[in-house]
Amino acid sequence: MLTGAVGALGAISRLVGAIGIVTIMTTAVALGARRCTILGLFLGEAMVLSALGGGFGLLLGIGPAQLIHVALPALPVHTPLAFVVLGEALAVAIGLPAGVLPARRAARIDPV
């Protein structure tokens, strides 16, 4: 039950992160570049933003867990590496579609 609740909270935070990326990317303007360059820049920025957000999220999750482990050594606290890699990959995978919409809009803008 606890795992399901934590998973649901994680899903909500990923959705909020994706909305944040869409908002940031929509406000950015790229004029005068080729369409494929604009798409590449926007998608790259979305992936970097989501990777950084995933990294900070991992630090905020693993850091307190390790502090709890130091304070209460009898409490089994362990974060499997596979979950860390999966979480970061999921963050980047969510960032990519979140950057597609603003990238396509920016690529359609006529250069000044």
PDB file of N, CA and C in Angstrom:
ATOM      1  N   MET A   1       0.829  -1.190   0.000  1.00  0.00           N
ATOM      2  CA  MET A   1       0.000   0.000   0.000  1.00  0.00           C
ATOM      3  C   MET A   1       0.881   1.265   0.000  1.00  0.00           C
ATOM      4  N   LEU A   2       1.924   1.224   0.833  1.00  0.00           N
ATOM      5  CA  LEU A   2       2.831   2.375   0.906  1.00  0.00           C
ATOM      6  C   LEU A   2       3.560   2.572  -0.420  1.00  0.00           C
ATOM      7  N   THR A   3       3.971   1.482  -1.052  1.00  0.00           N
ATOM      8  CA  THR A   3       4.654   1.583  -2.344  1.00  0.00           C
ATOM      9  C   THR A   3       3.736   2.202  -3.396  1.00  0.00           C
ATOM     10  N   GLY A   4       2.469   1.811  -3.388  1.00  0.00           N
ATOM     11  CA  GLY A   4       1.510   2.389  -4.327  1.00  0.00           C
ATOM     12  C   GLY A   4       1.306   3.874  -4.095  1.00  0.00           C
ATOM     13  N   ALA A   5       1.235   4.276  -2.811  1.00  0.00           N
ATOM     14  CA  ALA A   5       1.058   5.694  -2.491  1.00  0.00           C
ATOM     15  C   ALA A   5       2.281   6.510  -2.919  1.00  0.00           C
ATOM     16  N   VAL A   6       3.469   5.976  -2.662  1.00  0.00           N
ATOM     17  CA  VAL A   6       4.693   6.680  -3.067  1.00  0.00           C
ATOM     18  C   VAL A   6       4.773   6.759  -4.593  1.00  0.00           C
ATOM     19  N   GLY A   7       4.377   5.671  -5.268  1.00  0.00           N
ATOM     20  CA  GLY A   7       4.364   5.683  -6.729  1.00  0.00           C
ATOM     21  C   GLY A   7       3.397   6.715  -7.285  1.00  0.00           C
ATOM     22  N   ALA A   8       2.220   6.842  -6.642  1.00  0.00           N
ATOM     23  CA  ALA A   8       1.237   7.838  -7.078  1.00  0.00           C
ATOM     24  C   ALA A   8       1.774   9.249  -6.883  1.00  0.00           C
ATOM     25  N   LEU A   9       2.430   9.501  -5.755  1.00  0.00           N
ATOM     26  CA  LEU A   9       3.022  10.824  -5.530  1.00  0.00           C
ATOM     27  C   LEU A   9       4.124  11.108  -6.540  1.00  0.00           C
ATOM     28  N   GLY A  10       4.912  10.091  -6.860  1.00  0.00           N
ATOM     29  CA  GLY A  10       5.957  10.255  -7.873  1.00  0.00           C
ATOM     30  C   GLY A  10       5.365  10.579  -9.237  1.00  0.00           C
ATOM     31  N   ALA A  11       4.257   9.917  -9.573  1.00  0.00           N
ATOM     32  CA  ALA A  11       3.607  10.178 -10.864  1.00  0.00           C
ATOM     33  C   ALA A  11       3.093  11.610 -10.927  1.00  0.00           C
ATOM     34  N   ILE A  12       2.524  12.089  -9.832  1.00  0.00           N
ATOM     35  CA  ILE A  12       2.026  13.470  -9.793  1.00  0.00           C
ATOM     36  C   ILE A  12       3.188  14.445  -9.937  1.00  0.00           C
ATOM     37  N   SER A  13       4.296  14.184  -9.252  1.00  0.00           N
ATOM     38  CA  SER A  13       5.438  15.101  -9.354  1.00  0.00           C
ATOM     39  C   SER A  13       6.029  15.094 -10.758  1.00  0.00           C
ATOM     40  N   ARG A  14       6.034  13.950 -11.418  1.00  0.00           N
ATOM     41  CA  ARG A  14       6.531  13.892 -12.799  1.00  0.00           C
ATOM     42  C   ARG A  14       5.614  14.668 -13.740  1.00  0.00           C
ATOM     43  N   LEU A  15       4.319  14.594 -13.514  1.00  0.00           N
ATOM     44  CA  LEU A  15       3.374  15.351 -14.323  1.00  0.00           C
ATOM     45  C   LEU A  15       3.591  16.846 -14.131  1.00  0.00           C
ATOM     46  N   VAL A  16       3.777  17.266 -12.888  1.00  0.00           N
ATOM     47  CA  VAL A  16       4.029  18.684 -12.614  1.00  0.00           C
ATOM     48  C   VAL A  16       5.337  19.119 -13.273  1.00  0.00           C
ATOM     49  N   GLY A  17       6.352  18.255 -13.218  1.00  0.00           N
ATOM     50  CA  GLY A  17       7.622  18.563 -13.875  1.00  0.00           C
ATOM     51  C   GLY A  17       7.460  18.719 -15.375  1.00  0.00           C
ATOM     52  N   ALA A  18       6.676  17.833 -15.982  1.00  0.00           N
ATOM     53  CA  ALA A  18       6.443  17.916 -17.427  1.00  0.00           C
ATOM     54  C   ALA A  18       5.730  19.215 -17.786  1.00  0.00           C
ATOM     55  N   ILE A  19       4.760  19.606 -16.976  1.00  0.00           N
ATOM     56  CA  ILE A  19       4.049  20.868 -17.219  1.00  0.00           C
ATOM     57  C   ILE A  19       5.003  22.042 -17.079  1.00  0.00           C
ATOM     58  N   GLY A  20       5.893  21.973 -16.101  1.00  0.00           N
ATOM     59  CA  GLY A  20       6.901  23.028 -15.930  1.00  0.00           C
ATOM     60  C   GLY A  20       7.819  23.131 -17.133  1.00  0.00           C
ATOM     61  N   ILE A  21       8.223  21.996 -17.676  1.00  0.00           N
ATOM     62  CA  ILE A  21       9.089  22.009 -18.860  1.00  0.00           C
ATOM     63  C   ILE A  21       8.357  22.610 -20.048  1.00  0.00           C
ATOM     64  N   VAL A  22       7.106  22.231 -20.234  1.00  0.00           N
ATOM     65  CA  VAL A  22       6.316  22.796 -21.335  1.00  0.00           C
ATOM     66  C   VAL A  22       6.213  24.304 -21.182  1.00  0.00           C
ATOM     67  N   THR A  23       5.975  24.780 -19.969  1.00  0.00           N
ATOM     68  CA  THR A  23       5.857  26.218 -19.721  1.00  0.00           C
ATOM     69  C   THR A  23       7.159  26.942 -20.013  1.00  0.00           C
ATOM     70  N   ILE A  24       8.262  26.409 -19.526  1.00  0.00           N
ATOM     71  CA  ILE A  24       9.562  27.044 -19.759  1.00  0.00           C
ATOM     72  C   ILE A  24       9.897  27.056 -21.247  1.00  0.00           C
ATOM     73  N   MET A  25       9.664  25.936 -21.897  1.00  0.00           N
ATOM     74  CA  MET A  25      10.015  25.839 -23.313  1.00  0.00           C
ATOM     75  C   MET A  25       9.115  26.714 -24.183  1.00  0.00           C
ATOM     76  N   THR A  26       7.863  26.901 -23.775  1.00  0.00           N
ATOM     77  CA  THR A  26       6.956  27.725 -24.563  1.00  0.00           C
ATOM     78  C   THR A  26       7.371  29.190 -24.526  1.00  0.00           C
ATOM     79  N   THR A  27       7.948  29.623 -23.410  1.00  0.00           N
ATOM     80  CA  THR A  27       8.351  31.023 -23.301  1.00  0.00           C
ATOM     81  C   THR A  27       9.659  31.311 -24.027  1.00  0.00           C
ATOM     82  N   ALA A  28      10.441  30.278 -24.317  1.00  0.00           N
ATOM     83  CA  ALA A  28      11.693  30.484 -25.048  1.00  0.00           C
ATOM     84  C   ALA A  28      11.384  30.785 -26.513  1.00  0.00           C
ATOM     85  N   VAL A  29      12.229  31.583 -27.116  1.00  0.00           N
ATOM     86  CA  VAL A  29      12.017  31.952 -28.519  1.00  0.00           C
ATOM     87  C   VAL A  29      13.287  31.647 -29.303  1.00  0.00           C
ATOM     88  N   ALA A  30      13.111  30.991 -30.430  1.00  0.00           N
ATOM     89  CA  ALA A  30      14.244  30.711 -31.318  1.00  0.00           C
ATOM     90  C   ALA A  30      13.859  31.182 -32.707  1.00  0.00           C
ATOM     91  N   LEU A  31      14.522  32.202 -33.165  1.00  0.00           N
ATOM     92  CA  LEU A  31      14.206  32.766 -34.478  1.00  0.00           C
ATOM     93  C   LEU A  31      15.458  32.772 -35.342  1.00  0.00           C
ATOM     94  N   GLY A  32      15.257  32.538 -36.620  1.00  0.00           N
ATOM     95  CA  GLY A  32      16.348  32.633 -37.569  1.00  0.00           C
ATOM     96  C   GLY A  32      17.138  31.353 -37.766  1.00  0.00           C
ATOM     97  N   ALA A  33      16.805  30.288 -37.083  1.00  0.00           N
ATOM     98  CA  ALA A  33      17.515  29.020 -37.258  1.00  0.00           C
ATOM     99  C   ALA A  33      16.672  28.076 -38.111  1.00  0.00           C
ATOM    100  N   ARG A  34      17.330  27.045 -38.618  1.00  0.00           N
ATOM    101  CA  ARG A  34      16.586  26.047 -39.382  1.00  0.00           C
ATOM    102  C   ARG A  34      15.659  25.269 -38.458  1.00  0.00           C
ATOM    103  N   ARG A  35      14.600  24.704 -39.031  1.00  0.00           N
ATOM    104  CA  ARG A  35      13.611  23.977 -38.228  1.00  0.00           C
ATOM    105  C   ARG A  35      14.230  22.818 -37.457  1.00  0.00           C
ATOM    106  N   CYS A  36      15.094  22.055 -38.113  1.00  0.00           N
ATOM    107  CA  CYS A  36      15.688  20.904 -37.425  1.00  0.00           C
ATOM    108  C   CYS A  36      16.610  21.366 -36.292  1.00  0.00           C
ATOM    109  N   THR A  37      17.263  22.515 -36.455  1.00  0.00           N
ATOM    110  CA  THR A  37      18.103  23.054 -35.390  1.00  0.00           C
ATOM    111  C   THR A  37      17.256  23.476 -34.196  1.00  0.00           C
ATOM    112  N   ILE A  38      16.148  24.149 -34.469  1.00  0.00           N
ATOM    113  CA  ILE A  38      15.249  24.576 -33.403  1.00  0.00           C
ATOM    114  C   ILE A  38      14.692  23.360 -32.662  1.00  0.00           C
ATOM    115  N   LEU A  39      14.254  22.359 -33.409  1.00  0.00           N
ATOM    116  CA  LEU A  39      13.734  21.146 -32.779  1.00  0.00           C
ATOM    117  C   LEU A  39      14.795  20.498 -31.898  1.00  0.00           C
ATOM    118  N   GLY A  40      15.996  20.396 -32.406  1.00  0.00           N
ATOM    119  CA  GLY A  40      17.083  19.786 -31.633  1.00  0.00           C
ATOM    120  C   GLY A  40      17.405  20.554 -30.372  1.00  0.00           C
ATOM    121  N   LEU A  41      17.453  21.880 -30.481  1.00  0.00           N
ATOM    122  CA  LEU A  41      17.746  22.707 -29.310  1.00  0.00           C
ATOM    123  C   LEU A  41      16.660  22.583 -28.242  1.00  0.00           C
ATOM    124  N   PHE A  42      15.412  22.665 -28.659  1.00  0.00           N
ATOM    125  CA  PHE A  42      14.320  22.598 -27.695  1.00  0.00           C
ATOM    126  C   PHE A  42      14.237  21.222 -27.046  1.00  0.00           C
ATOM    127  N   LEU A  43      14.380  20.170 -27.847  1.00  0.00           N
ATOM    128  CA  LEU A  43      14.309  18.825 -27.284  1.00  0.00           C
ATOM    129  C   LEU A  43      15.506  18.546 -26.382  1.00  0.00           C
ATOM    130  N   GLY A  44      16.671  19.026 -26.762  1.00  0.00           N
ATOM    131  CA  GLY A  44      17.851  18.869 -25.901  1.00  0.00           C
ATOM    132  C   GLY A  44      17.685  19.591 -24.579  1.00  0.00           C
ATOM    133  N   GLU A  45      17.159  20.804 -24.646  1.00  0.00           N
ATOM    134  CA  GLU A  45      16.943  21.562 -23.416  1.00  0.00           C
ATOM    135  C   GLU A  45      15.900  20.888 -22.532  1.00  0.00           C
ATOM    136  N   ALA A  46      14.857  20.364 -23.119  1.00  0.00           N
ATOM    137  CA  ALA A  46      13.832  19.669 -22.331  1.00  0.00           C
ATOM    138  C   ALA A  46      14.412  18.438 -21.652  1.00  0.00           C
ATOM    139  N   MET A  47      15.258  17.695 -22.359  1.00  0.00           N
ATOM    140  CA  MET A  47      15.862  16.503 -21.765  1.00  0.00           C
ATOM    141  C   MET A  47      16.833  16.871 -20.649  1.00  0.00           C
ATOM    142  N   VAL A  48      17.611  17.929 -20.838  1.00  0.00           N
ATOM    143  CA  VAL A  48      18.549  18.354 -19.794  1.00  0.00           C
ATOM    144  C   VAL A  48      17.788  18.834 -18.565  1.00  0.00           C
ATOM    145  N   LEU A  49      16.745  19.631 -18.777  1.00  0.00           N
ATOM    146  CA  LEU A  49      15.946  20.105 -17.644  1.00  0.00           C
ATOM    147  C   LEU A  49      15.327  18.940 -16.880  1.00  0.00           C
ATOM    148  N   SER A  50      14.804  17.969 -17.601  1.00  0.00           N
ATOM    149  CA  SER A  50      14.181  16.833 -16.918  1.00  0.00           C
ATOM    150  C   SER A  50      15.226  15.960 -16.233  1.00  0.00           C
ATOM    151  N   ALA A  51      16.411  15.816 -16.831  1.00  0.00           N
ATOM    152  CA  ALA A  51      17.474  15.038 -16.186  1.00  0.00           C
ATOM    153  C   ALA A  51      17.937  15.726 -14.902  1.00  0.00           C
ATOM    154  N   LEU A  52      18.082  17.051 -14.944  1.00  0.00           N
ATOM    155  CA  LEU A  52      18.451  17.787 -13.725  1.00  0.00           C
ATOM    156  C   LEU A  52      17.367  17.680 -12.657  1.00  0.00           C
ATOM    157  N   GLY A  53      16.115  17.799 -13.075  1.00  0.00           N
ATOM    158  CA  GLY A  53      15.020  17.654 -12.130  1.00  0.00           C
ATOM    159  C   GLY A  53      14.980  16.265 -11.517  1.00  0.00           C
ATOM    160  N   GLY A  54      15.214  15.239 -12.346  1.00  0.00           N
ATOM    161  CA  GLY A  54      15.268  13.876 -11.830  1.00  0.00           C
ATOM    162  C   GLY A  54      16.421  13.686 -10.865  1.00  0.00           C
ATOM    163  N   GLY A  55      17.561  14.282 -11.185  1.00  0.00           N
ATOM    164  CA  GLY A  55      18.726  14.200 -10.289  1.00  0.00           C
ATOM    165  C   GLY A  55      18.465  14.857  -8.943  1.00  0.00           C
ATOM    166  N   PHE A  56      17.861  16.045  -8.974  1.00  0.00           N
ATOM    167  CA  PHE A  56      17.529  16.716  -7.712  1.00  0.00           C
ATOM    168  C   PHE A  56      16.505  15.912  -6.926  1.00  0.00           C
ATOM    169  N   GLY A  57      15.545  15.328  -7.625  1.00  0.00           N
ATOM    170  CA  GLY A  57      14.557  14.487  -6.960  1.00  0.00           C
ATOM    171  C   GLY A  57      15.194  13.272  -6.301  1.00  0.00           C
ATOM    172  N   LEU A  58      16.162  12.677  -6.995  1.00  0.00           N
ATOM    173  CA  LEU A  58      16.877  11.544  -6.414  1.00  0.00           C
ATOM    174  C   LEU A  58      17.661  11.967  -5.176  1.00  0.00           C
ATOM    175  N   LEU A  59      18.313  13.123  -5.252  1.00  0.00           N
ATOM    176  CA  LEU A  59      19.045  13.621  -4.079  1.00  0.00           C
ATOM    177  C   LEU A  59      18.111  13.891  -2.904  1.00  0.00           C
ATOM    178  N   LEU A  60      16.952  14.459  -3.203  1.00  0.00           N
ATOM    179  CA  LEU A  60      15.989  14.738  -2.136  1.00  0.00           C
ATOM    180  C   LEU A  60      15.381  13.467  -1.554  1.00  0.00           C
ATOM    181  N   GLY A  61      15.388  12.393  -2.321  1.00  0.00           N
ATOM    182  CA  GLY A  61      14.858  11.132  -1.811  1.00  0.00           C
ATOM    183  C   GLY A  61      15.906  10.286  -1.120  1.00  0.00           C
ATOM    184  N   ILE A  62      17.067  10.157  -1.751  1.00  0.00           N
ATOM    185  CA  ILE A  62      18.111   9.300  -1.205  1.00  0.00           C
ATOM    186  C   ILE A  62      18.807   9.948  -0.009  1.00  0.00           C
ATOM    187  N   GLY A  63      19.000  11.265  -0.053  1.00  0.00           N
ATOM    188  CA  GLY A  63      19.678  11.970   1.049  1.00  0.00           C
ATOM    189  C   GLY A  63      19.004  11.752   2.392  1.00  0.00           C
ATOM    190  N   PRO A  64      17.721  12.100   2.527  1.00  0.00           N
ATOM    191  CA  PRO A  64      17.044  11.863   3.805  1.00  0.00           C
ATOM    192  C   PRO A  64      16.981  10.380   4.185  1.00  0.00           C
ATOM    193  N   ALA A  65      16.865   9.510   3.198  1.00  0.00           N
ATOM    194  CA  ALA A  65      16.837   8.079   3.496  1.00  0.00           C
ATOM    195  C   ALA A  65      18.157   7.643   4.130  1.00  0.00           C
ATOM    196  N   GLN A  66      19.259   8.153   3.614  1.00  0.00           N
ATOM    197  CA  GLN A  66      20.556   7.810   4.204  1.00  0.00           C
ATOM    198  C   GLN A  66      20.737   8.431   5.586  1.00  0.00           C
ATOM    199  N   LEU A  67      20.202   9.628   5.789  1.00  0.00           N
ATOM    200  CA  LEU A  67      20.250  10.235   7.129  1.00  0.00           C
ATOM    201  C   LEU A  67      19.450   9.414   8.132  1.00  0.00           C
ATOM    202  N   ILE A  68      18.314   8.910   7.704  1.00  0.00           N
ATOM    203  CA  ILE A  68      17.514   8.044   8.569  1.00  0.00           C
ATOM    204  C   ILE A  68      18.286   6.764   8.878  1.00  0.00           C
ATOM    205  N   HIS A  69      18.981   6.240   7.889  1.00  0.00           N
ATOM    206  CA  HIS A  69      19.772   5.025   8.105  1.00  0.00           C
ATOM    207  C   HIS A  69      20.893   5.272   9.111  1.00  0.00           C
ATOM    208  N   VAL A  70      21.510   6.454   9.058  1.00  0.00           N
ATOM    209  CA  VAL A  70      22.569   6.787  10.019  1.00  0.00           C
ATOM    210  C   VAL A  70      21.973   6.939  11.415  1.00  0.00           C
ATOM    211  N   ALA A  71      20.817   7.588  11.502  1.00  0.00           N
ATOM    212  CA  ALA A  71      20.186   7.807  12.806  1.00  0.00           C
ATOM    213  C   ALA A  71      19.612   6.520  13.388  1.00  0.00           C
ATOM    214  N   LEU A  72      19.079   5.664  12.548  1.00  0.00           N
ATOM    215  CA  LEU A  72      18.473   4.403  12.987  1.00  0.00           C
ATOM    216  C   LEU A  72      19.092   3.247  12.201  1.00  0.00           C
ATOM    217  N   PRO A  73      20.272   2.783  12.600  1.00  0.00           N
ATOM    218  CA  PRO A  73      20.966   1.739  11.834  1.00  0.00           C
ATOM    219  C   PRO A  73      20.180   0.429  11.727  1.00  0.00           C
ATOM    220  N   ALA A  74      19.283   0.164  12.663  1.00  0.00           N
ATOM    221  CA  ALA A  74      18.509  -1.078  12.612  1.00  0.00           C
ATOM    222  C   ALA A  74      17.433  -1.033  11.530  1.00  0.00           C
ATOM    223  N   LEU A  75      17.075   0.161  11.086  1.00  0.00           N
ATOM    224  CA  LEU A  75      16.051   0.306  10.053  1.00  0.00           C
ATOM    225  C   LEU A  75      16.664   0.027   8.688  1.00  0.00           C
ATOM    226  N   PRO A  76      16.138  -0.966   7.972  1.00  0.00           N
ATOM    227  CA  PRO A  76      16.736  -1.292   6.667  1.00  0.00           C
ATOM    228  C   PRO A  76      16.358  -0.252   5.607  1.00  0.00           C
ATOM    229  N   VAL A  77      17.305   0.575   5.254  1.00  0.00           N
ATOM    230  CA  VAL A  77      17.104   1.594   4.221  1.00  0.00           C
ATOM    231  C   VAL A  77      18.088   1.301   3.099  1.00  0.00           C
ATOM    232  N   HIS A  78      17.549   0.999   1.942  1.00  0.00           N
ATOM    233  CA  HIS A  78      18.400   0.678   0.797  1.00  0.00           C
ATOM    234  C   HIS A  78      17.707   1.149  -0.475  1.00  0.00           C
ATOM    235  N   THR A  79      18.454   1.850  -1.313  1.00  0.00           N
ATOM    236  CA  THR A  79      17.925   2.290  -2.603  1.00  0.00           C
ATOM    237  C   THR A  79      18.655   1.518  -3.691  1.00  0.00           C
ATOM    238  N   PRO A  80      17.977   0.563  -4.327  1.00  0.00           N
ATOM    239  CA  PRO A  80      18.647  -0.216  -5.373  1.00  0.00           C
ATOM    240  C   PRO A  80      19.075   0.664  -6.550  1.00  0.00           C
ATOM    241  N   LEU A  81      20.245   0.397  -7.074  1.00  0.00           N
ATOM    242  CA  LEU A  81      20.776   1.172  -8.188  1.00  0.00           C
ATOM    243  C   LEU A  81      19.862   1.088  -9.407  1.00  0.00           C
ATOM    244  N   ALA A  82      19.241  -0.063  -9.593  1.00  0.00           N
ATOM    245  CA  ALA A  82      18.330  -0.209 -10.739  1.00  0.00           C
ATOM    246  C   ALA A  82      17.170   0.783 -10.647  1.00  0.00           C
ATOM    247  N   PHE A  83      16.675   1.040  -9.439  1.00  0.00           N
ATOM    248  CA  PHE A  83      15.585   2.010  -9.270  1.00  0.00           C
ATOM    249  C   PHE A  83      16.062   3.427  -9.525  1.00  0.00           C
ATOM    250  N   VAL A  84      17.285   3.728  -9.142  1.00  0.00           N
ATOM    251  CA  VAL A  84      17.854   5.057  -9.382  1.00  0.00           C
ATOM    252  C   VAL A  84      17.986   5.295 -10.885  1.00  0.00           C
ATOM    253  N   VAL A  85      18.534   4.308 -11.587  1.00  0.00           N
ATOM    254  CA  VAL A  85      18.704   4.432 -13.040  1.00  0.00           C
ATOM    255  C   VAL A  85      17.342   4.512 -13.725  1.00  0.00           C
ATOM    256  N   LEU A  86      16.404   3.679 -13.287  1.00  0.00           N
ATOM    257  CA  LEU A  86      15.062   3.700 -13.871  1.00  0.00           C
ATOM    258  C   LEU A  86      14.372   5.044 -13.629  1.00  0.00           C
ATOM    259  N   GLY A  87      14.525   5.592 -12.426  1.00  0.00           N
ATOM    260  CA  GLY A  87      13.915   6.894 -12.120  1.00  0.00           C
ATOM    261  C   GLY A  87      14.475   8.009 -12.982  1.00  0.00           C
ATOM    262  N   GLU A  88      15.781   8.012 -13.166  1.00  0.00           N
ATOM    263  CA  GLU A  88      16.405   9.048 -13.993  1.00  0.00           C
ATOM    264  C   GLU A  88      16.017   8.871 -15.461  1.00  0.00           C
ATOM    265  N   ALA A  89      15.984   7.628 -15.923  1.00  0.00           N
ATOM    266  CA  ALA A  89      15.578   7.368 -17.312  1.00  0.00           C
ATOM    267  C   ALA A  89      14.128   7.768 -17.534  1.00  0.00           C
ATOM    268  N   LEU A  90      13.292   7.530 -16.550  1.00  0.00           N
ATOM    269  CA  LEU A  90      11.886   7.918 -16.662  1.00  0.00           C
ATOM    270  C   LEU A  90      11.747   9.440 -16.704  1.00  0.00           C
ATOM    271  N   ALA A  91      12.548  10.136 -15.908  1.00  0.00           N
ATOM    272  CA  ALA A  91      12.500  11.600 -15.921  1.00  0.00           C
ATOM    273  C   ALA A  91      12.864  12.136 -17.308  1.00  0.00           C
ATOM    274  N   VAL A  92      13.905  11.588 -17.911  1.00  0.00           N
ATOM    275  CA  VAL A  92      14.317  12.033 -19.249  1.00  0.00           C
ATOM    276  C   VAL A  92      13.263  11.637 -20.286  1.00  0.00           C
ATOM    277  N   ALA A  93      12.707  10.445 -20.126  1.00  0.00           N
ATOM    278  CA  ALA A  93      11.678   9.982 -21.072  1.00  0.00           C
ATOM    279  C   ALA A  93      10.422  10.845 -21.004  1.00  0.00           C
ATOM    280  N   ILE A  94      10.122  11.393 -19.851  1.00  0.00           N
ATOM    281  CA  ILE A  94       8.971  12.292 -19.719  1.00  0.00           C
ATOM    282  C   ILE A  94       9.329  13.677 -20.262  1.00  0.00           C
ATOM    283  N   GLY A  95      10.566  14.090 -20.079  1.00  0.00           N
ATOM    284  CA  GLY A  95      10.994  15.401 -20.569  1.00  0.00           C
ATOM    285  C   GLY A  95      10.982  15.507 -22.076  1.00  0.00           C
ATOM    286  N   LEU A  96      11.266  14.407 -22.751  1.00  0.00           N
ATOM    287  CA  LEU A  96      11.296  14.435 -24.217  1.00  0.00           C
ATOM    288  C   LEU A  96       9.932  14.769 -24.817  1.00  0.00           C
ATOM    289  N   PRO A  97       8.849  14.058 -24.448  1.00  0.00           N
ATOM    290  CA  PRO A  97       7.545  14.453 -25.000  1.00  0.00           C
ATOM    291  C   PRO A  97       7.095  15.832 -24.530  1.00  0.00           C
ATOM    292  N   ALA A  98       7.514  16.227 -23.314  1.00  0.00           N
ATOM    293  CA  ALA A  98       7.132  17.553 -22.819  1.00  0.00           C
ATOM    294  C   ALA A  98       7.778  18.660 -23.642  1.00  0.00           C
ATOM    295  N   GLY A  99       8.901  18.362 -24.298  1.00  0.00           N
ATOM    296  CA  GLY A  99       9.559  19.360 -25.128  1.00  0.00           C
ATOM    297  C   GLY A  99       9.120  19.344 -26.580  1.00  0.00           C
ATOM    298  N   VAL A 100       8.391  18.313 -26.989  1.00  0.00           N
ATOM    299  CA  VAL A 100       7.999  18.191 -28.395  1.00  0.00           C
ATOM    300  C   VAL A 100       7.021  19.288 -28.805  1.00  0.00           C
ATOM    301  N   LEU A 101       5.990  19.527 -28.022  1.00  0.00           N
ATOM    302  CA  LEU A 101       4.969  20.520 -28.376  1.00  0.00           C
ATOM    303  C   LEU A 101       5.570  21.913 -28.544  1.00  0.00           C
ATOM    304  N   PRO A 102       6.310  22.430 -27.562  1.00  0.00           N
ATOM    305  CA  PRO A 102       6.898  23.759 -27.774  1.00  0.00           C
ATOM    306  C   PRO A 102       7.939  23.770 -28.893  1.00  0.00           C
ATOM    307  N   ALA A 103       8.649  22.659 -29.090  1.00  0.00           N
ATOM    308  CA  ALA A 103       9.641  22.615 -30.163  1.00  0.00           C
ATOM    309  C   ALA A 103       8.967  22.705 -31.526  1.00  0.00           C
ATOM    310  N   ARG A 104       7.865  22.003 -31.673  1.00  0.00           N
ATOM    311  CA  ARG A 104       7.144  22.066 -32.953  1.00  0.00           C
ATOM    312  C   ARG A 104       6.572  23.459 -33.183  1.00  0.00           C
ATOM    313  N   ARG A 105       6.066  24.082 -32.137  1.00  0.00           N
ATOM    314  CA  ARG A 105       5.525  25.448 -32.278  1.00  0.00           C
ATOM    315  C   ARG A 105       6.637  26.413 -32.652  1.00  0.00           C
ATOM    316  N   ALA A 106       7.786  26.306 -31.996  1.00  0.00           N
ATOM    317  CA  ALA A 106       8.889  27.215 -32.275  1.00  0.00           C
ATOM    318  C   ALA A 106       9.427  27.017 -33.695  1.00  0.00           C
ATOM    319  N   ALA A 107       9.427  25.778 -34.161  1.00  0.00           N
ATOM    320  CA  ALA A 107       9.940  25.513 -35.506  1.00  0.00           C
ATOM    321  C   ALA A 107       9.027  26.092 -36.581  1.00  0.00           C
ATOM    322  N   ARG A 108       7.775  26.316 -36.255  1.00  0.00           N
ATOM    323  CA  ARG A 108       6.818  26.862 -37.242  1.00  0.00           C
ATOM    324  C   ARG A 108       6.864  28.386 -37.312  1.00  0.00           C
ATOM    325  N   ILE A 109       7.490  29.029 -36.343  1.00  0.00           N
ATOM    326  CA  ILE A 109       7.557  30.497 -36.330  1.00  0.00           C
ATOM    327  C   ILE A 109       8.452  30.963 -37.471  1.00  0.00           C
ATOM    328  N   ASP A 110       7.955  31.943 -38.216  1.00  0.00           N
ATOM    329  CA  ASP A 110       8.745  32.515 -39.297  1.00  0.00           C
ATOM    330  C   ASP A 110       9.871  33.355 -38.722  1.00  0.00           C
ATOM    331  N   PRO A 111      11.097  33.210 -39.258  1.00  0.00           N
ATOM    332  CA  PRO A 111      12.198  34.033 -38.763  1.00  0.00           C
ATOM    333  C   PRO A 111      11.965  35.508 -39.036  1.00  0.00           C
ATOM    334  N   VAL A 112      12.489  36.335 -38.161  1.00  0.00           N
ATOM    335  CA  VAL A 112      12.336  37.778 -38.311  1.00  0.00           C
ATOM    336  C   VAL A 112      13.383  38.288 -39.279  1.00  0.00           C
TER     337      VAL A 112
END
